[in-house]
Amino acid sequence: MAIFATITAAIDFATATRMAKRFEIRIAAEPERLIEHFRQSALEHKFEFVGDESAGRFSGMGIEGAYEIHGDRLVLTIHNKPFFLSWMLVEAGVKDYFRWAKAHGHS
């Protein structure tokens, strides 16, 4: 029981101290094409995705965030993440995703 209480306290602490992290990514694809790719990817990975060519939000697997598109720049803000994922790991995942998308003509 004490272990459960400690884990619960750690989760509550992590929830209470969440900080958002913002990423700016240069995109080459048309926003419409990029958003369609996001929609398909969200369906495949069981993420919620709501948005259009200018702004939107997403959530799934403990990650919640929002995006805005300004010309050739995508501004991605991660609002919440699982406490056990470091920001370095989240950033690496975002960069890997966009490297893959670019290599496949999606960004």
Protein backbone atom coordinates (compact mmCIF):
# COMPACT_ATOMS: atom_id res chain seq x y z
CA MET A 1 0.00 0.00 0.00
CA ALA A 2 2.86 2.40 0.76
CA ILE A 3 4.36 1.79 -2.69
CA PHE A 4 1.04 2.64 -4.34
CA ALA A 5 0.77 5.84 -2.27
CA THR A 6 4.31 6.82 -3.25
CA ILE A 7 3.63 6.22 -6.96
CA THR A 8 0.34 8.14 -6.73
CA ALA A 9 2.11 11.03 -5.01
CA ALA A 10 4.80 11.04 -7.70
CA ILE A 11 2.17 11.10 -10.44
CA ASP A 12 0.26 13.90 -8.68
CA PHE A 13 3.50 15.87 -8.30
CA ALA A 14 4.37 15.35 -11.97
CA THR A 15 0.89 16.42 -13.00
CA ALA A 16 1.05 19.52 -10.82
CA THR A 17 4.43 20.59 -12.21
CA ARG A 18 3.89 20.09 -15.92
CA MET A 19 5.54 22.57 -18.21
CA ALA A 20 4.85 23.11 -21.89
CA LYS A 21 7.62 22.80 -24.45
CA ARG A 22 7.53 24.53 -27.82
CA PHE A 23 9.16 23.38 -31.05
CA GLU A 24 9.42 25.34 -34.30
CA ILE A 25 9.88 23.27 -37.43
CA ARG A 26 10.35 24.49 -40.98
CA ILE A 27 7.99 22.67 -43.34
CA ALA A 28 8.26 22.29 -47.09
CA ALA A 29 4.90 20.64 -47.82
CA GLU A 30 1.67 22.51 -48.36
CA PRO A 31 -0.20 22.81 -45.03
CA GLU A 32 -3.17 20.85 -46.44
CA ARG A 33 -0.94 17.90 -47.29
CA LEU A 34 0.78 18.00 -43.91
CA ILE A 35 -2.55 18.09 -42.04
CA GLU A 36 -3.86 15.14 -44.05
CA HIS A 37 -0.73 13.23 -43.08
CA PHE A 38 -1.31 14.16 -39.40
CA ARG A 39 -4.91 12.90 -39.63
CA GLN A 40 -3.84 9.58 -41.11
CA SER A 41 -1.05 9.15 -38.58
CA ALA A 42 -3.43 9.97 -35.71
CA LEU A 43 -5.88 7.32 -36.91
CA GLU A 44 -3.14 4.71 -37.22
CA HIS A 45 -1.77 5.43 -33.73
CA LYS A 46 -5.15 6.01 -32.05
CA PHE A 47 -4.47 9.68 -31.27
CA GLU A 48 -7.18 12.33 -31.18
CA PHE A 49 -6.53 15.02 -33.79
CA VAL A 50 -8.67 18.11 -34.36
CA GLY A 51 -7.49 20.91 -36.58
CA ASP A 52 -7.07 22.54 -39.95
CA GLU A 53 -4.35 24.24 -42.01
CA SER A 54 -3.81 27.00 -39.45
CA ALA A 55 -4.14 25.44 -35.97
CA GLY A 56 -5.32 22.46 -34.00
CA ARG A 57 -4.73 20.07 -31.13
CA PHE A 58 -3.84 16.43 -30.56
CA SER A 59 -3.71 13.92 -27.72
CA GLY A 60 -2.92 10.30 -27.17
CA MET A 61 -0.71 7.95 -25.14
CA GLY A 62 -0.44 10.56 -22.39
CA ILE A 63 0.73 13.33 -24.70
CA GLU A 64 -1.34 16.45 -25.30
CA GLY A 65 -0.41 19.33 -27.49
CA ALA A 66 -1.37 21.93 -30.04
CA TYR A 67 0.03 23.28 -33.28
CA GLU A 68 -0.08 26.43 -35.37
CA ILE A 69 1.10 26.87 -38.94
CA HIS A 70 2.59 30.22 -39.97
CA GLY A 71 3.74 30.12 -43.59
CA ASP A 72 6.59 27.62 -43.75
CA ARG A 73 6.79 27.21 -39.96
CA LEU A 74 5.00 24.70 -37.80
CA VAL A 75 4.87 25.70 -34.13
CA LEU A 76 4.25 22.61 -32.03
CA THR A 77 3.56 22.96 -28.29
CA ILE A 78 3.48 19.89 -26.07
CA HIS A 79 1.34 20.76 -23.02
CA ASN A 80 1.40 17.43 -21.18
CA LYS A 81 3.49 14.29 -21.34
CA PRO A 82 3.89 11.23 -19.16
CA PHE A 83 6.16 12.13 -16.25
CA PHE A 84 8.54 9.27 -17.05
CA LEU A 85 9.33 10.65 -20.54
CA SER A 86 12.12 13.19 -20.53
CA TRP A 87 11.81 16.31 -22.66
CA MET A 88 14.92 15.17 -24.50
CA LEU A 89 13.14 11.96 -25.52
CA VAL A 90 10.02 13.88 -26.58
CA GLU A 91 12.13 16.28 -28.66
CA ALA A 92 13.98 13.36 -30.29
CA GLY A 93 10.62 11.76 -31.15
CA VAL A 94 9.30 14.97 -32.72
CA LYS A 95 12.47 15.39 -34.79
CA ASP A 96 12.44 11.74 -35.89
CA TYR A 97 8.79 12.00 -36.92
CA PHE A 98 9.48 15.02 -39.10
CA ARG A 99 12.64 13.47 -40.57
CA TRP A 100 10.55 10.43 -41.56
CA ALA A 101 7.73 12.61 -42.92
CA LYS A 102 10.20 14.68 -44.96
CA ALA A 103 11.88 11.57 -46.37
CA HIS A 104 8.47 10.30 -47.46
CA GLY A 105 7.36 13.62 -48.97
CA HIS A 106 4.93 14.64 -46.20
CA SER A 107 6.59 17.73 -44.77
